[in-house]
């Protein structure tokens, strides 16, 4: 059974990228009101090391992920200057594998030198559009307490945001998902760990049901409010990574989702505020 999250490596990688509180970023009146993500620059994380039965197509500002009994994740490290460039000739990139420990410090030096890190306090809102071709059976996704079960840990569409708390270096992750029957607004938790470390990753149902299958749906979220709802004793710090994931490996299904127009905002856009 595939285990999607491998927290110890991911945890230390992302903390190294951010450097805890060492990165302040370029904070000032010159910050743009919006930061649209470059939808053409994504790096594949295939849990079968590029051998997963799936594919991705890009074009026109849209990325479409087709997973055939597989789990496909595409990620980028966003900065104020666009996605952090990655050397695509590195072996782990060619294998669609997770980054080595050395990647974190190298990425940190580059972002720190250019002062391009993103603070959630400056960009509390995120919006995006997505479309799915069908939902994934979620009858076995979580137990009665809302804990995700590995045998049912599949979602037709998922957009994840990884962050650090202000003044801390413990990875925080919130991912928004499209479910089949789990009600919109439900918060699920995925727990994982190794040795002495335990991690909790949260999934918030942003869309539910088959009513809008095949349609583009616009979502907007206040990441700061979401963060403080889940971690009420903390303030959010740096934005570390954004990922897209479509998977059907644990439930043995096919899933297809398209993603577009992922934008970070300093204030809530009026057109989005009245969209739904």
C-alpha atoms as a PDB file:
ATOM      1  CA  UNK A   1       0.000   0.000   0.000  1.00  0.00           C
ATOM      2  CA  UNK A   2       1.434   3.306  -1.023  1.00  0.00           C
ATOM      3  CA  UNK A   3       2.163   5.839   1.699  1.00  0.00           C
ATOM      4  CA  UNK A   4       1.838   9.268   0.132  1.00  0.00           C
ATOM      5  CA  UNK A   5       3.627  11.388   2.690  1.00  0.00           C
ATOM      6  CA  UNK A   6       7.198  10.742   3.748  1.00  0.00           C
ATOM      7  CA  UNK A   7       7.478  13.431   6.389  1.00  0.00           C
ATOM      8  CA  UNK A   8      11.000  13.230   7.806  1.00  0.00           C
ATOM      9  CA  UNK A   9      12.699  13.925   4.474  1.00  0.00           C
ATOM     10  CA  UNK A  10      10.095  16.441   3.329  1.00  0.00           C
ATOM     11  CA  UNK A  11      10.154  18.158   6.709  1.00  0.00           C
ATOM     12  CA  UNK A  12      13.891  18.711   6.826  1.00  0.00           C
ATOM     13  CA  UNK A  13      13.994  19.706   3.159  1.00  0.00           C
ATOM     14  CA  UNK A  14      11.424  22.449   3.513  1.00  0.00           C
ATOM     15  CA  UNK A  15      12.789  23.774   6.772  1.00  0.00           C
ATOM     16  CA  UNK A  16      16.179  24.007   5.103  1.00  0.00           C
ATOM     17  CA  UNK A  17      14.683  25.926   2.177  1.00  0.00           C
ATOM     18  CA  UNK A  18      13.077  28.446   4.479  1.00  0.00           C
ATOM     19  CA  UNK A  19      15.832  28.538   7.055  1.00  0.00           C
ATOM     20  CA  UNK A  20      13.354  29.032   9.892  1.00  0.00           C
ATOM     21  CA  UNK A  21      13.214  32.757  10.605  1.00  0.00           C
ATOM     22  CA  UNK A  22      16.394  33.541   8.709  1.00  0.00           C
ATOM     23  CA  UNK A  23      14.571  34.568   5.531  1.00  0.00           C
ATOM     24  CA  UNK A  24      12.721  37.823   5.742  1.00  0.00           C
ATOM     25  CA  UNK A  25      12.020  38.344   2.056  1.00  0.00           C
ATOM     26  CA  UNK A  26      11.530  41.597   0.253  1.00  0.00           C
ATOM     27  CA  UNK A  27       8.829  43.275   2.334  1.00  0.00           C
ATOM     28  CA  UNK A  28       7.866  46.801   1.442  1.00  0.00           C
ATOM     29  CA  UNK A  29       5.451  49.052  -0.474  1.00  0.00           C
ATOM     30  CA  UNK A  30       6.818  47.746  -3.778  1.00  0.00           C
ATOM     31  CA  UNK A  31       5.097  44.395  -3.298  1.00  0.00           C
ATOM     32  CA  UNK A  32       2.578  43.767  -6.098  1.00  0.00           C
ATOM     33  CA  UNK A  33      -1.097  43.366  -5.210  1.00  0.00           C
ATOM     34  CA  UNK A  34      -1.193  39.907  -6.787  1.00  0.00           C
ATOM     35  CA  UNK A  35       1.285  37.108  -7.439  1.00  0.00           C
ATOM     36  CA  UNK A  36       0.053  34.791 -10.218  1.00  0.00           C
ATOM     37  CA  UNK A  37       1.862  31.456 -10.254  1.00  0.00           C
ATOM     38  CA  UNK A  38       3.652  30.447 -13.418  1.00  0.00           C
ATOM     39  CA  UNK A  39       1.539  27.468 -14.501  1.00  0.00           C
ATOM     40  CA  UNK A  40       4.209  26.168 -16.877  1.00  0.00           C
ATOM     41  CA  UNK A  41       6.916  25.424 -14.279  1.00  0.00           C
ATOM     42  CA  UNK A  42       6.223  22.332 -12.178  1.00  0.00           C
ATOM     43  CA  UNK A  43       8.387  19.437 -11.004  1.00  0.00           C
ATOM     44  CA  UNK A  44       7.005  15.942 -10.848  1.00  0.00           C
ATOM     45  CA  UNK A  45       6.907  13.830  -7.725  1.00  0.00           C
ATOM     46  CA  UNK A  46       5.842  10.372  -8.833  1.00  0.00           C
ATOM     47  CA  UNK A  47       5.633   7.791  -6.086  1.00  0.00           C
ATOM     48  CA  UNK A  48       6.603   5.169  -8.670  1.00  0.00           C
ATOM     49  CA  UNK A  49       9.686   7.219  -9.713  1.00  0.00           C
ATOM     50  CA  UNK A  50       8.373   8.297 -13.127  1.00  0.00           C
ATOM     51  CA  UNK A  51       6.878   4.874 -13.757  1.00  0.00           C
ATOM     52  CA  UNK A  52       3.419   5.721 -12.484  1.00  0.00           C
ATOM     53  CA  UNK A  53       0.558   5.197 -14.910  1.00  0.00           C
ATOM     54  CA  UNK A  54      -0.336   8.801 -15.521  1.00  0.00           C
ATOM     55  CA  UNK A  55       0.531  11.880 -17.492  1.00  0.00           C
ATOM     56  CA  UNK A  56       0.437  15.656 -17.360  1.00  0.00           C
ATOM     57  CA  UNK A  57      -0.318  18.151 -20.106  1.00  0.00           C
ATOM     58  CA  UNK A  58       0.240  21.893 -19.963  1.00  0.00           C
ATOM     59  CA  UNK A  59      -0.732  24.795 -22.138  1.00  0.00           C
ATOM     60  CA  UNK A  60      -2.725  27.976 -22.081  1.00  0.00           C
ATOM     61  CA  UNK A  61      -2.085  28.456 -18.384  1.00  0.00           C
ATOM     62  CA  UNK A  62      -3.638  25.080 -17.520  1.00  0.00           C
ATOM     63  CA  UNK A  63      -2.031  21.966 -16.060  1.00  0.00           C
ATOM     64  CA  UNK A  64      -4.003  18.734 -16.411  1.00  0.00           C
ATOM     65  CA  UNK A  65      -3.057  15.651 -14.391  1.00  0.00           C
ATOM     66  CA  UNK A  66      -4.335  12.216 -15.380  1.00  0.00           C
ATOM     67  CA  UNK A  67      -3.711   9.493 -12.803  1.00  0.00           C
ATOM     68  CA  UNK A  68      -4.470   5.890 -13.722  1.00  0.00           C
ATOM     69  CA  UNK A  69      -4.373   3.883 -10.490  1.00  0.00           C
ATOM     70  CA  UNK A  70      -1.424   6.079  -9.596  1.00  0.00           C
ATOM     71  CA  UNK A  71      -0.414   9.109  -7.527  1.00  0.00           C
ATOM     72  CA  UNK A  72       1.000  12.138  -9.317  1.00  0.00           C
ATOM     73  CA  UNK A  73       2.160  15.321  -7.617  1.00  0.00           C
ATOM     74  CA  UNK A  74       3.551  18.459  -9.247  1.00  0.00           C
ATOM     75  CA  UNK A  75       5.215  21.128  -7.154  1.00  0.00           C
ATOM     76  CA  UNK A  76       7.067  24.408  -7.225  1.00  0.00           C
ATOM     77  CA  UNK A  77       8.766  26.719  -4.747  1.00  0.00           C
ATOM     78  CA  UNK A  78       7.066  30.091  -5.351  1.00  0.00           C
ATOM     79  CA  UNK A  79       8.927  33.333  -4.755  1.00  0.00           C
ATOM     80  CA  UNK A  80       8.263  37.009  -5.359  1.00  0.00           C
ATOM     81  CA  UNK A  81      10.237  36.614  -8.590  1.00  0.00           C
ATOM     82  CA  UNK A  82       8.467  33.483  -9.819  1.00  0.00           C
ATOM     83  CA  UNK A  83       9.187  29.772  -9.320  1.00  0.00           C
ATOM     84  CA  UNK A  84      12.583  28.979  -7.858  1.00  0.00           C
ATOM     85  CA  UNK A  85      14.526  27.496 -10.823  1.00  0.00           C
ATOM     86  CA  UNK A  86      15.579  23.866 -10.456  1.00  0.00           C
ATOM     87  CA  UNK A  87      18.280  22.117 -12.484  1.00  0.00           C
ATOM     88  CA  UNK A  88      16.259  19.583 -14.452  1.00  0.00           C
ATOM     89  CA  UNK A  89      19.390  17.556 -15.205  1.00  0.00           C
ATOM     90  CA  UNK A  90      19.699  16.465 -11.574  1.00  0.00           C
ATOM     91  CA  UNK A  91      19.122  12.745 -11.175  1.00  0.00           C
ATOM     92  CA  UNK A  92      16.341  13.058  -8.632  1.00  0.00           C
ATOM     93  CA  UNK A  93      14.428  15.380 -10.955  1.00  0.00           C
ATOM     94  CA  UNK A  94      14.787  12.931 -13.856  1.00  0.00           C
ATOM     95  CA  UNK A  95      13.584  10.107 -11.582  1.00  0.00           C
ATOM     96  CA  UNK A  96      10.635  12.199 -10.326  1.00  0.00           C
ATOM     97  CA  UNK A  97      11.957  11.495  -6.855  1.00  0.00           C
ATOM     98  CA  UNK A  98      11.987  13.572  -3.679  1.00  0.00           C
ATOM     99  CA  UNK A  99      14.839  16.081  -3.303  1.00  0.00           C
ATOM    100  CA  UNK A 100      18.059  15.156  -1.504  1.00  0.00           C
ATOM    101  CA  UNK A 101      19.070  16.832   1.740  1.00  0.00           C
ATOM    102  CA  UNK A 102      21.522  19.074  -0.113  1.00  0.00           C
ATOM    103  CA  UNK A 103      18.755  20.746  -2.087  1.00  0.00           C
ATOM    104  CA  UNK A 104      17.380  22.634   0.910  1.00  0.00           C
ATOM    105  CA  UNK A 105      20.480  24.656   1.864  1.00  0.00           C
ATOM    106  CA  UNK A 106      21.211  25.432  -1.791  1.00  0.00           C
ATOM    107  CA  UNK A 107      17.689  26.709  -2.388  1.00  0.00           C
ATOM    108  CA  UNK A 108      17.821  28.705   0.813  1.00  0.00           C
ATOM    109  CA  UNK A 109      21.013  30.512  -0.222  1.00  0.00           C
ATOM    110  CA  UNK A 110      19.541  31.471  -3.563  1.00  0.00           C
ATOM    111  CA  UNK A 111      16.248  32.756  -2.164  1.00  0.00           C
ATOM    112  CA  UNK A 112      18.007  34.543   0.668  1.00  0.00           C
ATOM    113  CA  UNK A 113      20.445  36.274  -1.666  1.00  0.00           C
ATOM    114  CA  UNK A 114      17.662  37.546  -3.928  1.00  0.00           C
ATOM    115  CA  UNK A 115      15.293  38.438  -1.055  1.00  0.00           C
ATOM    116  CA  UNK A 116      12.315  36.891  -2.801  1.00  0.00           C
ATOM    117  CA  UNK A 117      10.620  34.837  -0.090  1.00  0.00           C
ATOM    118  CA  UNK A 118       6.865  35.214   0.410  1.00  0.00           C
ATOM    119  CA  UNK A 119       5.242  35.936   3.774  1.00  0.00           C
ATOM    120  CA  UNK A 120       1.650  34.845   4.335  1.00  0.00           C
ATOM    121  CA  UNK A 121       0.991  38.067   6.238  1.00  0.00           C
ATOM    122  CA  UNK A 122       1.632  39.943   2.976  1.00  0.00           C
ATOM    123  CA  UNK A 123      -0.400  37.575   0.800  1.00  0.00           C
ATOM    124  CA  UNK A 124      -3.142  36.053   2.979  1.00  0.00           C
ATOM    125  CA  UNK A 125      -5.467  35.094   0.110  1.00  0.00           C
ATOM    126  CA  UNK A 126      -5.140  32.392  -2.507  1.00  0.00           C
ATOM    127  CA  UNK A 127      -7.476  31.796  -5.440  1.00  0.00           C
ATOM    128  CA  UNK A 128      -7.513  29.180  -8.155  1.00  0.00           C
ATOM    129  CA  UNK A 129      -9.687  27.454 -10.722  1.00  0.00           C
ATOM    130  CA  UNK A 130     -10.021  23.703 -11.081  1.00  0.00           C
ATOM    131  CA  UNK A 131     -12.050  21.122 -12.962  1.00  0.00           C
ATOM    132  CA  UNK A 132     -12.390  17.368 -12.528  1.00  0.00           C
ATOM    133  CA  UNK A 133     -13.691  14.640 -14.816  1.00  0.00           C
ATOM    134  CA  UNK A 134     -15.148  12.613 -11.951  1.00  0.00           C
ATOM    135  CA  UNK A 135     -14.946  12.225  -8.200  1.00  0.00           C
ATOM    136  CA  UNK A 136     -13.131   9.421  -6.377  1.00  0.00           C
ATOM    137  CA  UNK A 137     -15.040   7.136  -4.001  1.00  0.00           C
ATOM    138  CA  UNK A 138     -14.441   8.566  -0.520  1.00  0.00           C
ATOM    139  CA  UNK A 139     -16.452   6.071   1.529  1.00  0.00           C
ATOM    140  CA  UNK A 140     -13.188   4.808   3.037  1.00  0.00           C
ATOM    141  CA  UNK A 141     -11.233   8.058   3.070  1.00  0.00           C
ATOM    142  CA  UNK A 142     -11.476   8.883   6.774  1.00  0.00           C
ATOM    143  CA  UNK A 143     -12.738   7.460  10.048  1.00  0.00           C
ATOM    144  CA  UNK A 144     -15.398   8.992  12.277  1.00  0.00           C
ATOM    145  CA  UNK A 145     -12.831  11.297  13.889  1.00  0.00           C
ATOM    146  CA  UNK A 146     -11.809  12.748  10.527  1.00  0.00           C
ATOM    147  CA  UNK A 147      -8.461  10.963  10.345  1.00  0.00           C
ATOM    148  CA  UNK A 148      -7.489   9.936   6.838  1.00  0.00           C
ATOM    149  CA  UNK A 149      -7.040   6.212   6.264  1.00  0.00           C
ATOM    150  CA  UNK A 150      -4.219   5.140   3.965  1.00  0.00           C
ATOM    151  CA  UNK A 151      -6.447   2.689   2.067  1.00  0.00           C
ATOM    152  CA  UNK A 152      -8.743   5.526   0.995  1.00  0.00           C
ATOM    153  CA  UNK A 153      -6.300   8.401   0.731  1.00  0.00           C
ATOM    154  CA  UNK A 154      -7.197   9.489  -2.805  1.00  0.00           C
ATOM    155  CA  UNK A 155      -8.652  12.737  -4.120  1.00  0.00           C
ATOM    156  CA  UNK A 156      -9.588  13.731  -7.641  1.00  0.00           C
ATOM    157  CA  UNK A 157      -8.044  17.142  -7.064  1.00  0.00           C
ATOM    158  CA  UNK A 158      -5.822  18.590  -4.375  1.00  0.00           C
ATOM    159  CA  UNK A 159      -3.946  21.871  -4.091  1.00  0.00           C
ATOM    160  CA  UNK A 160      -1.544  22.017  -1.162  1.00  0.00           C
ATOM    161  CA  UNK A 161       0.173  24.914   0.570  1.00  0.00           C
ATOM    162  CA  UNK A 162       3.173  24.298   2.824  1.00  0.00           C
ATOM    163  CA  UNK A 163       4.211  26.995   5.287  1.00  0.00           C
ATOM    164  CA  UNK A 164       6.250  27.716   8.374  1.00  0.00           C
ATOM    165  CA  UNK A 165       4.971  29.419  11.519  1.00  0.00           C
ATOM    166  CA  UNK A 166       6.317  32.862  12.298  1.00  0.00           C
ATOM    167  CA  UNK A 167       9.395  32.431  14.452  1.00  0.00           C
ATOM    168  CA  UNK A 168       9.410  28.653  14.062  1.00  0.00           C
ATOM    169  CA  UNK A 169      10.602  25.918  11.744  1.00  0.00           C
ATOM    170  CA  UNK A 170       7.929  23.210  12.051  1.00  0.00           C
ATOM    171  CA  UNK A 171       6.340  22.458   8.696  1.00  0.00           C
ATOM    172  CA  UNK A 172       2.630  23.254   8.360  1.00  0.00           C
ATOM    173  CA  UNK A 173       0.512  21.984   5.489  1.00  0.00           C
ATOM    174  CA  UNK A 174      -3.033  22.741   4.413  1.00  0.00           C
ATOM    175  CA  UNK A 175      -4.404  21.161   1.252  1.00  0.00           C
ATOM    176  CA  UNK A 176      -7.765  21.849  -0.355  1.00  0.00           C
ATOM    177  CA  UNK A 177      -9.493  18.833  -1.900  1.00  0.00           C
ATOM    178  CA  UNK A 178     -12.473  17.919  -4.065  1.00  0.00           C
ATOM    179  CA  UNK A 179     -14.385  14.986  -2.573  1.00  0.00           C
ATOM    180  CA  UNK A 180     -17.282  12.800  -3.622  1.00  0.00           C
ATOM    181  CA  UNK A 181     -19.521  12.872  -0.552  1.00  0.00           C
ATOM    182  CA  UNK A 182     -17.559  14.366   2.358  1.00  0.00           C
ATOM    183  CA  UNK A 183     -19.278  17.722   2.993  1.00  0.00           C
ATOM    184  CA  UNK A 184     -17.731  20.978   1.894  1.00  0.00           C
ATOM    185  CA  UNK A 185     -15.979  22.707   4.778  1.00  0.00           C
ATOM    186  CA  UNK A 186     -14.939  19.458   6.477  1.00  0.00           C
ATOM    187  CA  UNK A 187     -11.386  19.404   7.796  1.00  0.00           C
ATOM    188  CA  UNK A 188      -9.580  16.065   7.651  1.00  0.00           C
ATOM    189  CA  UNK A 189      -6.195  15.280   9.159  1.00  0.00           C
ATOM    190  CA  UNK A 190      -3.480  12.982   7.888  1.00  0.00           C
ATOM    191  CA  UNK A 191      -1.079  11.808  10.541  1.00  0.00           C
ATOM    192  CA  UNK A 192       2.329  10.370   9.834  1.00  0.00           C
ATOM    193  CA  UNK A 193       5.634  10.029  11.563  1.00  0.00           C
ATOM    194  CA  UNK A 194       8.867   8.184  12.126  1.00  0.00           C
ATOM    195  CA  UNK A 195      11.076   7.665  15.135  1.00  0.00           C
ATOM    196  CA  UNK A 196      10.333  10.537  17.536  1.00  0.00           C
ATOM    197  CA  UNK A 197       8.579  12.817  15.035  1.00  0.00           C
ATOM    198  CA  UNK A 198       4.856  13.065  14.452  1.00  0.00           C
ATOM    199  CA  UNK A 199       3.275  15.234  11.794  1.00  0.00           C
ATOM    200  CA  UNK A 200      -0.291  16.282  11.045  1.00  0.00           C
ATOM    201  CA  UNK A 201      -1.270  17.486   7.584  1.00  0.00           C
ATOM    202  CA  UNK A 202      -4.697  19.022   7.111  1.00  0.00           C
ATOM    203  CA  UNK A 203      -7.085  18.627   4.177  1.00  0.00           C
ATOM    204  CA  UNK A 204     -10.020  21.019   3.840  1.00  0.00           C
ATOM    205  CA  UNK A 205     -12.900  20.064   1.546  1.00  0.00           C
ATOM    206  CA  UNK A 206     -13.317  23.009  -0.829  1.00  0.00           C
ATOM    207  CA  UNK A 207     -15.647  21.253  -3.277  1.00  0.00           C
ATOM    208  CA  UNK A 208     -17.854  18.197  -2.860  1.00  0.00           C
ATOM    209  CA  UNK A 209     -20.076  16.095  -5.060  1.00  0.00           C
ATOM    210  CA  UNK A 210     -20.657  15.450  -8.748  1.00  0.00           C
ATOM    211  CA  UNK A 211     -22.897  18.418  -9.502  1.00  0.00           C
ATOM    212  CA  UNK A 212     -20.107  20.456 -11.049  1.00  0.00           C
ATOM    213  CA  UNK A 213     -18.012  17.676 -12.580  1.00  0.00           C
ATOM    214  CA  UNK A 214     -16.670  18.844 -15.916  1.00  0.00           C
ATOM    215  CA  UNK A 215     -17.068  22.517 -14.991  1.00  0.00           C
ATOM    216  CA  UNK A 216     -14.437  25.049 -14.062  1.00  0.00           C
ATOM    217  CA  UNK A 217     -14.898  26.123 -10.441  1.00  0.00           C
ATOM    218  CA  UNK A 218     -13.294  29.169  -8.840  1.00  0.00           C
ATOM    219  CA  UNK A 219     -12.152  28.939  -5.223  1.00  0.00           C
ATOM    220  CA  UNK A 220     -10.718  31.508  -2.874  1.00  0.00           C
ATOM    221  CA  UNK A 221      -9.398  31.077   0.656  1.00  0.00           C
ATOM    222  CA  UNK A 222      -7.974  33.231   3.400  1.00  0.00           C
ATOM    223  CA  UNK A 223      -4.848  31.263   4.265  1.00  0.00           C
ATOM    224  CA  UNK A 224      -4.119  33.299   7.378  1.00  0.00           C
ATOM    225  CA  UNK A 225      -7.582  32.677   8.830  1.00  0.00           C
ATOM    226  CA  UNK A 226      -7.397  28.991   7.882  1.00  0.00           C
ATOM    227  CA  UNK A 227      -3.980  28.698   9.463  1.00  0.00           C
ATOM    228  CA  UNK A 228      -5.062  30.334  12.727  1.00  0.00           C
ATOM    229  CA  UNK A 229      -8.200  28.198  12.856  1.00  0.00           C
ATOM    230  CA  UNK A 230      -6.062  25.043  12.797  1.00  0.00           C
ATOM    231  CA  UNK A 231      -3.128  26.412  14.817  1.00  0.00           C
ATOM    232  CA  UNK A 232      -4.768  29.075  17.035  1.00  0.00           C
ATOM    233  CA  UNK A 233      -1.647  29.748  19.095  1.00  0.00           C
ATOM    234  CA  UNK A 234       0.530  30.581  16.085  1.00  0.00           C
ATOM    235  CA  UNK A 235       0.944  33.187  13.382  1.00  0.00           C
ATOM    236  CA  UNK A 236       1.810  32.038   9.851  1.00  0.00           C
ATOM    237  CA  UNK A 237       5.266  32.873   8.543  1.00  0.00           C
ATOM    238  CA  UNK A 238       6.777  31.949   5.179  1.00  0.00           C
ATOM    239  CA  UNK A 239       5.152  30.258   2.210  1.00  0.00           C
ATOM    240  CA  UNK A 240       7.379  27.311   1.300  1.00  0.00           C
ATOM    241  CA  UNK A 241       5.846  25.240  -1.460  1.00  0.00           C
ATOM    242  CA  UNK A 242       2.663  24.800  -3.483  1.00  0.00           C
ATOM    243  CA  UNK A 243       1.735  21.464  -4.998  1.00  0.00           C
ATOM    244  CA  UNK A 244      -0.978  19.937  -7.161  1.00  0.00           C
ATOM    245  CA  UNK A 245      -1.948  16.312  -6.765  1.00  0.00           C
ATOM    246  CA  UNK A 246      -4.394  13.937  -8.409  1.00  0.00           C
ATOM    247  CA  UNK A 247      -4.370  10.319  -7.314  1.00  0.00           C
ATOM    248  CA  UNK A 248      -6.229   7.038  -7.394  1.00  0.00           C
ATOM    249  CA  UNK A 249      -3.581   4.515  -6.385  1.00  0.00           C
ATOM    250  CA  UNK A 250      -4.978   3.458  -3.015  1.00  0.00           C
ATOM    251  CA  UNK A 251      -8.555   3.058  -4.243  1.00  0.00           C
ATOM    252  CA  UNK A 252      -7.511   1.616  -7.605  1.00  0.00           C
ATOM    253  CA  UNK A 253      -9.283   4.248  -9.679  1.00  0.00           C
ATOM    254  CA  UNK A 254      -8.634   6.755 -12.430  1.00  0.00           C
ATOM    255  CA  UNK A 255      -8.800  10.479 -11.828  1.00  0.00           C
ATOM    256  CA  UNK A 256      -8.289  13.542 -13.994  1.00  0.00           C
ATOM    257  CA  UNK A 257      -8.129  17.156 -12.869  1.00  0.00           C
ATOM    258  CA  UNK A 258      -7.149  20.470 -14.422  1.00  0.00           C
ATOM    259  CA  UNK A 259      -5.789  23.460 -12.521  1.00  0.00           C
ATOM    260  CA  UNK A 260      -5.425  27.079 -13.586  1.00  0.00           C
ATOM    261  CA  UNK A 261      -5.115  30.695 -12.417  1.00  0.00           C
ATOM    262  CA  UNK A 262      -3.466  30.096  -9.046  1.00  0.00           C
ATOM    263  CA  UNK A 263      -2.950  33.562  -7.601  1.00  0.00           C
ATOM    264  CA  UNK A 264      -1.810  34.962  -4.255  1.00  0.00           C
ATOM    265  CA  UNK A 265      -3.501  38.206  -3.216  1.00  0.00           C
ATOM    266  CA  UNK A 266      -2.784  40.949  -0.721  1.00  0.00           C
ATOM    267  CA  UNK A 267      -6.523  41.705  -0.422  1.00  0.00           C
ATOM    268  CA  UNK A 268      -9.641  39.766  -1.344  1.00  0.00           C
ATOM    269  CA  UNK A 269     -10.482  40.470  -4.998  1.00  0.00           C
ATOM    270  CA  UNK A 270     -14.006  41.821  -5.449  1.00  0.00           C
ATOM    271  CA  UNK A 271     -14.808  39.509  -8.341  1.00  0.00           C
ATOM    272  CA  UNK A 272     -13.837  36.485  -6.275  1.00  0.00           C
ATOM    273  CA  UNK A 273     -15.583  37.704  -3.129  1.00  0.00           C
ATOM    274  CA  UNK A 274     -18.948  37.508  -4.935  1.00  0.00           C
ATOM    275  CA  UNK A 275     -18.196  34.478  -7.149  1.00  0.00           C
ATOM    276  CA  UNK A 276     -19.871  31.893  -4.905  1.00  0.00           C
END
